[in-house]
N, C-alpha and C. Protein backbone atom coordinates (compact mmCIF):
# COMPACT_ATOMS: atom_id res chain seq x y z
N UNK A 1 -54.38 -0.97 -7.84
CA UNK A 1 -54.93 0.35 -7.62
C UNK A 1 -55.31 1.01 -8.95
N UNK A 2 -54.45 0.92 -9.95
CA UNK A 2 -54.74 1.53 -11.25
C UNK A 2 -56.01 0.95 -11.84
N UNK A 3 -56.19 -0.36 -11.70
CA UNK A 3 -57.37 -1.02 -12.25
C UNK A 3 -58.65 -0.46 -11.62
N UNK A 4 -58.64 -0.24 -10.30
CA UNK A 4 -59.80 0.29 -9.60
C UNK A 4 -60.09 1.73 -10.05
N UNK A 5 -59.06 2.52 -10.23
CA UNK A 5 -59.24 3.90 -10.70
C UNK A 5 -59.84 3.90 -12.09
N UNK A 6 -59.34 3.03 -12.96
CA UNK A 6 -59.86 2.94 -14.32
C UNK A 6 -61.33 2.56 -14.32
N UNK A 7 -61.72 1.60 -13.48
CA UNK A 7 -63.13 1.20 -13.38
C UNK A 7 -63.99 2.34 -12.87
N UNK A 8 -63.50 3.12 -11.92
CA UNK A 8 -64.25 4.26 -11.41
C UNK A 8 -64.43 5.32 -12.49
N UNK A 9 -63.42 5.54 -13.31
CA UNK A 9 -63.53 6.50 -14.41
C UNK A 9 -64.59 6.03 -15.40
N UNK A 10 -64.62 4.75 -15.71
CA UNK A 10 -65.63 4.21 -16.62
C UNK A 10 -67.02 4.40 -16.04
N UNK A 11 -67.20 4.14 -14.73
CA UNK A 11 -68.50 4.35 -14.09
C UNK A 11 -68.91 5.81 -14.16
N UNK A 12 -67.99 6.71 -13.90
CA UNK A 12 -68.28 8.15 -13.96
C UNK A 12 -68.69 8.54 -15.37
N UNK A 13 -67.99 8.04 -16.38
CA UNK A 13 -68.34 8.35 -17.77
C UNK A 13 -69.74 7.86 -18.09
N UNK A 14 -70.11 6.66 -17.62
CA UNK A 14 -71.45 6.14 -17.88
C UNK A 14 -72.50 7.01 -17.20
N UNK A 15 -72.22 7.44 -15.97
CA UNK A 15 -73.16 8.31 -15.25
C UNK A 15 -73.31 9.63 -15.98
N UNK A 16 -72.21 10.19 -16.45
CA UNK A 16 -72.28 11.46 -17.18
C UNK A 16 -73.09 11.29 -18.46
N UNK A 17 -72.89 10.17 -19.14
CA UNK A 17 -73.63 9.93 -20.38
C UNK A 17 -75.12 9.76 -20.10
N UNK A 18 -75.49 9.07 -19.01
CA UNK A 18 -76.91 8.89 -18.72
C UNK A 18 -77.53 10.22 -18.34
N UNK A 19 -76.76 11.08 -17.66
CA UNK A 19 -77.29 12.41 -17.33
C UNK A 19 -77.58 13.19 -18.60
N UNK A 20 -76.71 13.08 -19.58
CA UNK A 20 -76.94 13.74 -20.86
C UNK A 20 -78.18 13.18 -21.53
N UNK A 21 -78.30 11.86 -21.53
CA UNK A 21 -79.48 11.22 -22.14
C UNK A 21 -80.76 11.65 -21.43
N UNK A 22 -80.74 11.69 -20.11
CA UNK A 22 -81.91 12.11 -19.35
C UNK A 22 -82.29 13.56 -19.66
N UNK A 23 -81.29 14.41 -19.78
CA UNK A 23 -81.55 15.81 -20.14
C UNK A 23 -82.19 15.92 -21.52
N UNK A 24 -81.70 15.13 -22.46
CA UNK A 24 -82.26 15.14 -23.82
C UNK A 24 -83.71 14.66 -23.78
N UNK A 25 -83.98 13.57 -23.07
CA UNK A 25 -85.34 13.03 -22.99
C UNK A 25 -86.27 14.06 -22.37
N UNK A 26 -85.84 14.67 -21.30
CA UNK A 26 -86.66 15.68 -20.64
C UNK A 26 -86.93 16.87 -21.58
N UNK A 27 -85.88 17.35 -22.21
CA UNK A 27 -86.00 18.50 -23.12
C UNK A 27 -86.93 18.18 -24.29
N UNK A 28 -86.77 17.01 -24.89
CA UNK A 28 -87.52 16.67 -26.11
C UNK A 28 -88.94 16.19 -25.85
N UNK A 29 -89.23 15.72 -24.61
CA UNK A 29 -90.58 15.22 -24.35
C UNK A 29 -91.42 16.12 -23.43
N UNK A 30 -90.78 16.82 -22.49
CA UNK A 30 -91.57 17.64 -21.57
C UNK A 30 -91.03 19.05 -21.40
N UNK A 31 -90.02 19.41 -22.15
CA UNK A 31 -89.45 20.74 -22.04
C UNK A 31 -90.33 21.80 -22.71
N UNK A 32 -89.95 23.05 -22.52
CA UNK A 32 -90.72 24.17 -23.07
C UNK A 32 -90.80 24.15 -24.59
N UNK A 33 -89.80 23.58 -25.22
CA UNK A 33 -89.75 23.53 -26.67
C UNK A 33 -89.73 22.08 -27.14
N UNK A 34 -90.52 21.24 -26.47
CA UNK A 34 -90.52 19.80 -26.71
C UNK A 34 -91.16 19.45 -28.05
N UNK A 35 -90.94 18.23 -28.46
CA UNK A 35 -91.54 17.72 -29.69
C UNK A 35 -93.07 17.77 -29.61
N UNK A 36 -93.70 17.32 -28.50
CA UNK A 36 -95.17 17.43 -28.43
C UNK A 36 -95.68 18.87 -28.56
N UNK A 37 -94.97 19.81 -27.98
CA UNK A 37 -95.40 21.22 -28.09
C UNK A 37 -95.26 21.69 -29.53
N UNK A 38 -94.16 21.33 -30.17
CA UNK A 38 -93.96 21.72 -31.58
C UNK A 38 -95.07 21.13 -32.46
N UNK A 39 -95.47 19.91 -32.18
CA UNK A 39 -96.56 19.29 -32.93
C UNK A 39 -97.85 20.06 -32.69
N UNK A 40 -98.12 20.37 -31.44
CA UNK A 40 -99.36 21.06 -31.08
C UNK A 40 -99.48 22.43 -31.75
N UNK A 41 -98.37 23.15 -31.89
CA UNK A 41 -98.43 24.48 -32.50
C UNK A 41 -98.28 24.43 -34.02
N UNK A 42 -98.16 23.24 -34.58
CA UNK A 42 -98.12 23.09 -36.02
C UNK A 42 -96.74 23.14 -36.64
N UNK A 43 -95.70 23.03 -35.82
CA UNK A 43 -94.33 23.08 -36.34
C UNK A 43 -93.82 21.73 -36.84
N UNK A 44 -94.53 20.68 -36.54
CA UNK A 44 -94.11 19.36 -37.00
C UNK A 44 -93.01 18.76 -36.15
N UNK A 45 -92.39 17.73 -36.67
CA UNK A 45 -91.32 17.02 -35.97
C UNK A 45 -90.02 17.20 -36.74
N UNK A 46 -89.02 17.72 -36.07
CA UNK A 46 -87.69 17.82 -36.65
C UNK A 46 -87.04 16.44 -36.56
N UNK A 47 -86.66 15.90 -37.70
CA UNK A 47 -86.11 14.54 -37.73
C UNK A 47 -84.86 14.40 -36.87
N UNK A 48 -83.99 15.40 -36.88
CA UNK A 48 -82.78 15.33 -36.06
C UNK A 48 -83.12 15.30 -34.57
N UNK A 49 -84.11 16.11 -34.17
CA UNK A 49 -84.56 16.09 -32.77
C UNK A 49 -85.06 14.71 -32.39
N UNK A 50 -85.87 14.13 -33.26
CA UNK A 50 -86.43 12.82 -32.95
C UNK A 50 -85.35 11.75 -32.89
N UNK A 51 -84.41 11.77 -33.82
CA UNK A 51 -83.34 10.76 -33.81
C UNK A 51 -82.48 10.90 -32.56
N UNK A 52 -82.22 12.14 -32.12
CA UNK A 52 -81.46 12.36 -30.90
C UNK A 52 -82.25 11.84 -29.70
N UNK A 53 -83.54 12.11 -29.65
CA UNK A 53 -84.40 11.60 -28.57
C UNK A 53 -84.39 10.09 -28.55
N UNK A 54 -84.56 9.49 -29.70
CA UNK A 54 -84.59 8.02 -29.80
C UNK A 54 -83.29 7.41 -29.29
N UNK A 55 -82.17 8.00 -29.67
CA UNK A 55 -80.86 7.52 -29.22
C UNK A 55 -80.74 7.64 -27.70
N UNK A 56 -81.23 8.74 -27.15
CA UNK A 56 -81.17 8.94 -25.70
C UNK A 56 -82.04 7.93 -24.97
N UNK A 57 -83.21 7.64 -25.52
CA UNK A 57 -84.10 6.66 -24.90
C UNK A 57 -83.48 5.26 -24.95
N UNK A 58 -82.90 4.90 -26.09
CA UNK A 58 -82.25 3.60 -26.20
C UNK A 58 -81.11 3.48 -25.19
N UNK A 59 -80.38 4.57 -24.98
CA UNK A 59 -79.31 4.56 -23.98
C UNK A 59 -79.90 4.37 -22.58
N UNK A 60 -81.01 5.04 -22.29
CA UNK A 60 -81.66 4.90 -20.98
C UNK A 60 -82.17 3.48 -20.78
N UNK A 61 -82.72 2.88 -21.83
CA UNK A 61 -83.18 1.50 -21.73
C UNK A 61 -82.02 0.59 -21.34
N UNK A 62 -80.90 0.76 -22.00
CA UNK A 62 -79.72 -0.05 -21.70
C UNK A 62 -79.22 0.20 -20.27
N UNK A 63 -79.17 1.45 -19.88
CA UNK A 63 -78.64 1.82 -18.56
C UNK A 63 -79.53 1.31 -17.44
N UNK A 64 -80.84 1.42 -17.59
CA UNK A 64 -81.76 1.08 -16.51
C UNK A 64 -82.29 -0.35 -16.57
N UNK A 65 -81.83 -1.17 -17.51
CA UNK A 65 -82.38 -2.52 -17.66
C UNK A 65 -82.22 -3.38 -16.41
N UNK A 66 -81.19 -3.17 -15.63
CA UNK A 66 -80.97 -3.97 -14.43
C UNK A 66 -81.29 -3.21 -13.14
N UNK A 67 -81.85 -2.03 -13.28
CA UNK A 67 -82.14 -1.21 -12.11
C UNK A 67 -83.61 -1.34 -11.75
N UNK A 68 -83.91 -1.21 -10.46
CA UNK A 68 -85.30 -1.34 -10.00
C UNK A 68 -86.06 -0.02 -10.07
N UNK A 69 -85.35 1.09 -10.15
CA UNK A 69 -85.98 2.40 -10.16
C UNK A 69 -85.40 3.27 -11.26
N UNK A 70 -86.22 4.22 -11.70
CA UNK A 70 -85.77 5.24 -12.66
C UNK A 70 -86.12 6.60 -12.07
N UNK A 71 -85.46 7.65 -12.51
CA UNK A 71 -85.79 8.98 -12.00
C UNK A 71 -87.24 9.37 -12.30
N UNK A 72 -87.83 10.14 -11.40
CA UNK A 72 -89.23 10.55 -11.56
C UNK A 72 -89.46 11.32 -12.85
N UNK A 73 -88.54 12.21 -13.21
CA UNK A 73 -88.73 13.00 -14.43
C UNK A 73 -88.73 12.12 -15.67
N UNK A 74 -87.95 11.06 -15.64
CA UNK A 74 -87.94 10.14 -16.77
C UNK A 74 -89.30 9.45 -16.88
N UNK A 75 -89.83 9.01 -15.76
CA UNK A 75 -91.16 8.39 -15.77
C UNK A 75 -92.21 9.40 -16.22
N UNK A 76 -92.13 10.61 -15.72
CA UNK A 76 -93.09 11.66 -16.08
C UNK A 76 -93.09 11.92 -17.58
N UNK A 77 -91.93 11.87 -18.20
CA UNK A 77 -91.82 12.14 -19.64
C UNK A 77 -92.62 11.15 -20.48
N UNK A 78 -92.88 9.97 -19.94
CA UNK A 78 -93.58 8.94 -20.71
C UNK A 78 -95.05 8.77 -20.35
N UNK A 79 -95.54 9.55 -19.38
CA UNK A 79 -96.94 9.44 -18.99
C UNK A 79 -97.82 9.88 -20.16
N UNK A 80 -98.69 9.00 -20.60
CA UNK A 80 -99.62 9.27 -21.71
C UNK A 80 -98.93 9.78 -22.98
N UNK A 81 -97.73 9.33 -23.23
CA UNK A 81 -96.93 9.85 -24.34
C UNK A 81 -97.63 9.70 -25.68
N UNK A 82 -98.29 8.60 -25.91
CA UNK A 82 -98.89 8.39 -27.23
C UNK A 82 -100.01 9.39 -27.52
N UNK A 83 -100.66 9.90 -26.48
CA UNK A 83 -101.74 10.88 -26.68
C UNK A 83 -101.25 12.16 -27.35
N UNK A 84 -100.02 12.51 -27.12
CA UNK A 84 -99.47 13.75 -27.70
C UNK A 84 -99.18 13.62 -29.20
N UNK A 85 -99.25 12.42 -29.71
CA UNK A 85 -98.87 12.18 -31.10
C UNK A 85 -100.06 11.75 -31.97
N UNK A 86 -101.25 11.86 -31.44
CA UNK A 86 -102.44 11.62 -32.25
C UNK A 86 -103.03 12.97 -32.62
N UNK A 87 -103.19 13.18 -33.91
CA UNK A 87 -103.55 14.48 -34.46
C UNK A 87 -104.99 14.43 -34.98
N UNK A 88 -105.73 15.48 -34.73
CA UNK A 88 -107.10 15.53 -35.24
C UNK A 88 -107.08 15.80 -36.75
N UNK A 89 -108.14 15.40 -37.41
CA UNK A 89 -108.22 15.54 -38.87
C UNK A 89 -108.19 17.00 -39.33
N UNK A 90 -108.58 17.93 -38.47
CA UNK A 90 -108.58 19.34 -38.86
C UNK A 90 -107.26 20.06 -38.54
N UNK A 91 -106.21 19.29 -38.32
CA UNK A 91 -104.90 19.87 -38.03
C UNK A 91 -104.26 20.41 -39.32
N UNK A 92 -103.19 21.18 -39.19
CA UNK A 92 -102.52 21.72 -40.38
C UNK A 92 -101.65 20.70 -41.11
N UNK A 93 -101.64 19.46 -40.62
CA UNK A 93 -100.76 18.45 -41.19
C UNK A 93 -101.44 17.68 -42.32
N UNK A 94 -100.64 17.28 -43.30
CA UNK A 94 -101.14 16.42 -44.37
C UNK A 94 -101.35 15.02 -43.79
N UNK A 95 -102.04 14.19 -44.53
CA UNK A 95 -102.28 12.82 -44.06
C UNK A 95 -100.97 12.07 -43.87
N UNK A 96 -100.02 12.28 -44.78
CA UNK A 96 -98.71 11.64 -44.67
C UNK A 96 -97.99 12.09 -43.39
N UNK A 97 -98.04 13.38 -43.09
CA UNK A 97 -97.41 13.89 -41.87
C UNK A 97 -98.11 13.35 -40.62
N UNK A 98 -99.43 13.27 -40.67
CA UNK A 98 -100.18 12.75 -39.53
C UNK A 98 -99.81 11.30 -39.24
N UNK A 99 -99.66 10.51 -40.28
CA UNK A 99 -99.28 9.11 -40.12
C UNK A 99 -97.87 9.02 -39.54
N UNK A 100 -96.96 9.85 -40.02
CA UNK A 100 -95.59 9.86 -39.50
C UNK A 100 -95.59 10.23 -38.02
N UNK A 101 -96.35 11.25 -37.65
CA UNK A 101 -96.41 11.68 -36.25
C UNK A 101 -97.01 10.58 -35.39
N UNK A 102 -98.06 9.94 -35.84
CA UNK A 102 -98.66 8.84 -35.08
C UNK A 102 -97.70 7.66 -34.95
N UNK A 103 -96.93 7.39 -36.00
CA UNK A 103 -95.94 6.31 -35.94
C UNK A 103 -94.86 6.63 -34.90
N UNK A 104 -94.45 7.88 -34.84
CA UNK A 104 -93.47 8.30 -33.83
C UNK A 104 -94.05 8.08 -32.44
N UNK A 105 -95.30 8.47 -32.24
CA UNK A 105 -95.94 8.26 -30.95
C UNK A 105 -96.00 6.80 -30.57
N UNK A 106 -96.33 5.96 -31.54
CA UNK A 106 -96.37 4.51 -31.27
C UNK A 106 -94.99 3.98 -30.91
N UNK A 107 -93.98 4.42 -31.65
CA UNK A 107 -92.62 3.96 -31.35
C UNK A 107 -92.18 4.42 -29.96
N UNK A 108 -92.49 5.66 -29.61
CA UNK A 108 -92.13 6.15 -28.28
C UNK A 108 -92.84 5.36 -27.18
N UNK A 109 -94.08 5.01 -27.42
CA UNK A 109 -94.82 4.18 -26.45
C UNK A 109 -94.15 2.82 -26.28
N UNK A 110 -93.74 2.22 -27.40
CA UNK A 110 -93.06 0.93 -27.34
C UNK A 110 -91.73 1.04 -26.61
N UNK A 111 -90.99 2.11 -26.88
CA UNK A 111 -89.71 2.32 -26.19
C UNK A 111 -89.95 2.53 -24.69
N UNK A 112 -91.01 3.25 -24.36
CA UNK A 112 -91.35 3.44 -22.95
C UNK A 112 -91.67 2.13 -22.27
N UNK A 113 -92.39 1.26 -22.95
CA UNK A 113 -92.70 -0.06 -22.40
C UNK A 113 -91.41 -0.84 -22.14
N UNK A 114 -90.46 -0.78 -23.07
CA UNK A 114 -89.18 -1.47 -22.88
C UNK A 114 -88.43 -0.88 -21.69
N UNK A 115 -88.49 0.43 -21.57
CA UNK A 115 -87.76 1.11 -20.49
C UNK A 115 -88.29 0.70 -19.12
N UNK A 116 -89.61 0.55 -19.02
CA UNK A 116 -90.21 0.31 -17.71
C UNK A 116 -90.57 -1.15 -17.45
N UNK A 117 -90.14 -2.05 -18.34
CA UNK A 117 -90.45 -3.46 -18.08
C UNK A 117 -89.21 -4.24 -17.64
């Protein structure tokens, strides 16, 4: 009996962790103060925000690797994701910043492909 309870606690902890990861992904990719919105208004990318997002996505990839379905909001967060990270030449960003932002978009696209394959 103790063994079964311990396994259930581990499952609950994993579910709680994935919920946290999903909330982070939603907040950072499609929330009101998301990374794409910050880029669009000229605020750039906060490295800590991006690293937290990346960690959450990697956790989601691990969690959903054997599952046939993912939550709709998770899928929505990755629709056309790379488009949000391509900056026009007349933006307020330097060339170095533009390259960094485009690299982030490419990495997010690759992570999305891993998540949904």
